[in-house]
Amino acid sequence: MSNAGNVAGGHKANLNNPNTSEESKQHSRDVLENQLDGGDVTSASDANKNPNNVQGGIKAAINNPNTSAEKKEELKSKLDS
C-alpha cells in the first residue's frame, strides 16, 4: 500500500513542475482535493516524532532567510499551539 504522504508529495511536485501538462496538473489537483484531504496528510511515523526536534525544526525555519514571511507567520502560530 502506498504511503499517503509520498503520494501527496508526488502530486504537489507535479503541480510545480513546468514540464507537465495542464491536464496532468488538473488530475493532481483533483486527487489532492478529493482523495488526500487537500494534501494535508500525516504519516504513520508522525506519532513517533520527538517534539523537541519538531520544535527545533520550526524555529530553524522561522529564522531561515529563504522562508517566506507568510510561512513564517504560519510556523509561529504552530509553535505557539
N, C-alpha and C. Protein backbone atom coordinates (compact mmCIF):
# COMPACT_ATOMS: atom_id res chain seq x y z
N MET A 1 0.84 -1.18 0.00
CA MET A 1 0.00 0.00 0.00
C MET A 1 0.88 1.24 0.00
N SER A 2 0.48 2.25 -0.72
CA SER A 2 1.26 3.48 -0.84
C SER A 2 1.14 4.33 0.41
N ASN A 3 2.21 5.03 0.72
CA ASN A 3 2.21 5.97 1.81
C ASN A 3 1.53 7.25 1.32
N ALA A 4 0.48 7.67 2.01
CA ALA A 4 -0.30 8.83 1.57
C ALA A 4 0.56 10.09 1.50
N GLY A 5 1.52 10.22 2.39
CA GLY A 5 2.41 11.38 2.37
C GLY A 5 3.26 11.42 1.11
N ASN A 6 3.74 10.25 0.69
CA ASN A 6 4.54 10.18 -0.54
C ASN A 6 3.69 10.47 -1.77
N VAL A 7 2.47 9.95 -1.78
CA VAL A 7 1.57 10.19 -2.90
C VAL A 7 1.25 11.68 -3.00
N ALA A 8 0.93 12.30 -1.88
CA ALA A 8 0.63 13.74 -1.87
C ALA A 8 1.84 14.53 -2.33
N GLY A 9 3.01 14.13 -1.87
CA GLY A 9 4.24 14.83 -2.27
C GLY A 9 4.47 14.75 -3.77
N GLY A 10 4.19 13.61 -4.35
CA GLY A 10 4.34 13.47 -5.79
C GLY A 10 3.39 14.36 -6.56
N HIS A 11 2.15 14.45 -6.10
CA HIS A 11 1.18 15.32 -6.77
C HIS A 11 1.54 16.79 -6.58
N LYS A 12 2.03 17.15 -5.41
CA LYS A 12 2.45 18.53 -5.19
C LYS A 12 3.63 18.88 -6.08
N ALA A 13 4.56 17.95 -6.24
CA ALA A 13 5.71 18.18 -7.13
C ALA A 13 5.23 18.35 -8.57
N ASN A 14 4.27 17.55 -8.98
CA ASN A 14 3.73 17.66 -10.33
C ASN A 14 3.13 19.04 -10.58
N LEU A 15 2.45 19.59 -9.58
CA LEU A 15 1.84 20.91 -9.74
C LEU A 15 2.88 22.00 -9.95
N ASN A 16 4.07 21.80 -9.41
CA ASN A 16 5.13 22.81 -9.52
C ASN A 16 6.11 22.54 -10.65
N ASN A 17 5.87 21.49 -11.41
CA ASN A 17 6.77 21.12 -12.49
C ASN A 17 6.34 21.82 -13.77
N PRO A 18 7.19 22.69 -14.32
CA PRO A 18 6.80 23.40 -15.54
C PRO A 18 6.72 22.50 -16.78
N ASN A 19 7.24 21.28 -16.68
CA ASN A 19 7.27 20.38 -17.82
C ASN A 19 6.07 19.45 -17.91
N THR A 20 5.12 19.55 -16.98
CA THR A 20 3.94 18.68 -17.03
C THR A 20 2.77 19.43 -17.65
N SER A 21 1.88 18.67 -18.26
CA SER A 21 0.73 19.26 -18.96
C SER A 21 -0.29 19.79 -17.97
N GLU A 22 -1.14 20.67 -18.45
CA GLU A 22 -2.21 21.22 -17.62
C GLU A 22 -3.19 20.11 -17.23
N GLU A 23 -3.38 19.15 -18.11
CA GLU A 23 -4.26 18.01 -17.82
C GLU A 23 -3.72 17.20 -16.64
N SER A 24 -2.42 16.97 -16.65
CA SER A 24 -1.79 16.24 -15.55
C SER A 24 -1.88 17.02 -14.24
N LYS A 25 -1.69 18.32 -14.32
CA LYS A 25 -1.78 19.16 -13.12
C LYS A 25 -3.20 19.17 -12.56
N GLN A 26 -4.19 19.19 -13.46
CA GLN A 26 -5.58 19.16 -13.01
C GLN A 26 -5.88 17.84 -12.31
N HIS A 27 -5.36 16.74 -12.85
CA HIS A 27 -5.53 15.44 -12.21
C HIS A 27 -4.93 15.46 -10.80
N SER A 28 -3.74 16.04 -10.66
CA SER A 28 -3.10 16.11 -9.35
C SER A 28 -3.93 16.96 -8.38
N ARG A 29 -4.48 18.07 -8.87
CA ARG A 29 -5.33 18.91 -8.02
C ARG A 29 -6.55 18.11 -7.55
N ASP A 30 -7.16 17.36 -8.47
CA ASP A 30 -8.33 16.57 -8.14
C ASP A 30 -8.01 15.51 -7.09
N VAL A 31 -6.90 14.83 -7.25
CA VAL A 31 -6.51 13.78 -6.30
C VAL A 31 -6.24 14.40 -4.93
N LEU A 32 -5.50 15.51 -4.91
CA LEU A 32 -5.18 16.15 -3.63
C LEU A 32 -6.46 16.60 -2.91
N GLU A 33 -7.37 17.21 -3.63
CA GLU A 33 -8.59 17.72 -3.01
C GLU A 33 -9.57 16.63 -2.62
N ASN A 34 -9.76 15.64 -3.49
CA ASN A 34 -10.82 14.66 -3.28
C ASN A 34 -10.38 13.41 -2.53
N GLN A 35 -9.11 13.05 -2.62
CA GLN A 35 -8.67 11.80 -2.01
C GLN A 35 -7.69 12.00 -0.87
N LEU A 36 -6.98 13.12 -0.87
CA LEU A 36 -5.92 13.30 0.12
C LEU A 36 -6.13 14.52 1.00
N ASP A 37 -7.36 14.90 1.24
CA ASP A 37 -7.69 15.99 2.16
C ASP A 37 -6.89 17.26 1.85
N GLY A 38 -6.81 17.60 0.59
CA GLY A 38 -6.09 18.81 0.20
C GLY A 38 -4.59 18.66 0.28
N GLY A 39 -4.09 17.45 0.46
CA GLY A 39 -2.65 17.22 0.57
C GLY A 39 -2.13 17.32 1.98
N ASP A 40 -3.02 17.59 2.92
CA ASP A 40 -2.63 17.71 4.33
C ASP A 40 -2.76 16.34 4.99
N VAL A 41 -1.78 15.49 4.76
CA VAL A 41 -1.82 14.13 5.29
C VAL A 41 -0.72 13.96 6.33
N THR A 42 -0.96 13.05 7.24
CA THR A 42 0.06 12.72 8.23
C THR A 42 0.52 11.30 7.99
N SER A 43 1.77 11.07 8.22
CA SER A 43 2.30 9.73 8.04
C SER A 43 2.21 8.95 9.34
N ALA A 44 2.35 7.66 9.25
CA ALA A 44 2.28 6.81 10.44
C ALA A 44 3.39 7.15 11.42
N SER A 45 4.50 7.67 10.92
CA SER A 45 5.63 7.96 11.80
C SER A 45 5.49 9.27 12.55
N ASP A 46 4.46 10.08 12.25
CA ASP A 46 4.28 11.35 12.95
C ASP A 46 4.12 11.16 14.45
N ALA A 47 3.52 10.06 14.87
CA ALA A 47 3.30 9.81 16.29
C ALA A 47 4.61 9.54 17.02
N ASN A 48 5.63 9.13 16.30
CA ASN A 48 6.91 8.77 16.92
C ASN A 48 7.93 9.90 16.89
N LYS A 49 7.54 11.07 16.44
CA LYS A 49 8.49 12.18 16.34
C LYS A 49 8.77 12.77 17.72
N ASN A 50 10.02 13.17 17.91
CA ASN A 50 10.43 13.82 19.14
C ASN A 50 9.94 15.27 19.09
N PRO A 51 9.07 15.67 20.02
CA PRO A 51 8.51 17.03 19.97
C PRO A 51 9.58 18.12 20.04
N ASN A 52 10.68 17.86 20.73
CA ASN A 52 11.74 18.86 20.81
C ASN A 52 12.42 19.04 19.46
N ASN A 53 12.56 17.95 18.70
CA ASN A 53 13.15 18.07 17.37
C ASN A 53 12.22 18.81 16.43
N VAL A 54 10.93 18.56 16.54
CA VAL A 54 9.95 19.25 15.71
C VAL A 54 9.99 20.74 16.01
N GLN A 55 10.00 21.07 17.29
CA GLN A 55 10.05 22.47 17.70
C GLN A 55 11.33 23.14 17.19
N GLY A 56 12.44 22.43 17.27
CA GLY A 56 13.71 22.97 16.77
C GLY A 56 13.67 23.22 15.27
N GLY A 57 13.04 22.31 14.53
CA GLY A 57 12.92 22.49 13.09
C GLY A 57 12.06 23.68 12.73
N ILE A 58 11.00 23.88 13.49
CA ILE A 58 10.12 25.04 13.25
C ILE A 58 10.89 26.33 13.52
N LYS A 59 11.63 26.36 14.62
CA LYS A 59 12.41 27.56 14.95
C LYS A 59 13.46 27.84 13.89
N ALA A 60 14.09 26.78 13.38
CA ALA A 60 15.09 26.96 12.33
C ALA A 60 14.46 27.54 11.07
N ALA A 61 13.28 27.04 10.71
CA ALA A 61 12.60 27.55 9.52
C ALA A 61 12.20 29.01 9.69
N ILE A 62 11.79 29.39 10.90
CA ILE A 62 11.40 30.78 11.17
C ILE A 62 12.60 31.71 10.99
N ASN A 63 13.78 31.23 11.35
CA ASN A 63 14.98 32.06 11.25
C ASN A 63 15.70 31.94 9.91
N ASN A 64 15.18 31.13 9.01
CA ASN A 64 15.79 30.94 7.70
C ASN A 64 15.41 32.11 6.79
N PRO A 65 16.39 32.83 6.25
CA PRO A 65 16.06 33.98 5.39
C PRO A 65 15.36 33.58 4.09
N ASN A 66 15.40 32.32 3.72
CA ASN A 66 14.75 31.87 2.48
C ASN A 66 13.29 31.49 2.69
N THR A 67 12.83 31.50 3.93
CA THR A 67 11.44 31.18 4.24
C THR A 67 10.59 32.44 4.05
N SER A 68 9.46 32.30 3.37
CA SER A 68 8.60 33.45 3.10
C SER A 68 8.00 33.99 4.40
N ALA A 69 7.63 35.25 4.39
CA ALA A 69 7.03 35.88 5.56
C ALA A 69 5.71 35.20 5.91
N GLU A 70 4.96 34.82 4.89
CA GLU A 70 3.67 34.14 5.12
C GLU A 70 3.88 32.81 5.84
N LYS A 71 4.87 32.05 5.39
CA LYS A 71 5.15 30.75 6.02
C LYS A 71 5.68 30.95 7.43
N LYS A 72 6.49 31.98 7.65
CA LYS A 72 7.00 32.25 8.99
C LYS A 72 5.86 32.53 9.96
N GLU A 73 4.86 33.29 9.53
CA GLU A 73 3.70 33.57 10.38
C GLU A 73 2.94 32.28 10.70
N GLU A 74 2.78 31.43 9.70
CA GLU A 74 2.10 30.15 9.90
C GLU A 74 2.87 29.30 10.92
N LEU A 75 4.20 29.29 10.79
CA LEU A 75 5.02 28.49 11.70
C LEU A 75 5.00 29.06 13.12
N LYS A 76 4.97 30.38 13.24
CA LYS A 76 4.91 30.99 14.56
C LYS A 76 3.63 30.60 15.29
N SER A 77 2.52 30.57 14.56
CA SER A 77 1.27 30.17 15.20
C SER A 77 1.29 28.69 15.56
N LYS A 78 1.93 27.89 14.75
CA LYS A 78 2.06 26.47 15.04
C LYS A 78 2.95 26.26 16.28
N LEU A 79 3.98 27.07 16.40
CA LEU A 79 4.88 26.97 17.55
C LEU A 79 4.17 27.37 18.84
N ASP A 80 3.26 28.33 18.77
CA ASP A 80 2.52 28.80 19.93
C ASP A 80 1.49 27.78 20.42
N SER A 81 1.02 26.93 19.51
CA SER A 81 -0.02 25.96 19.91
C SER A 81 0.55 24.67 20.44
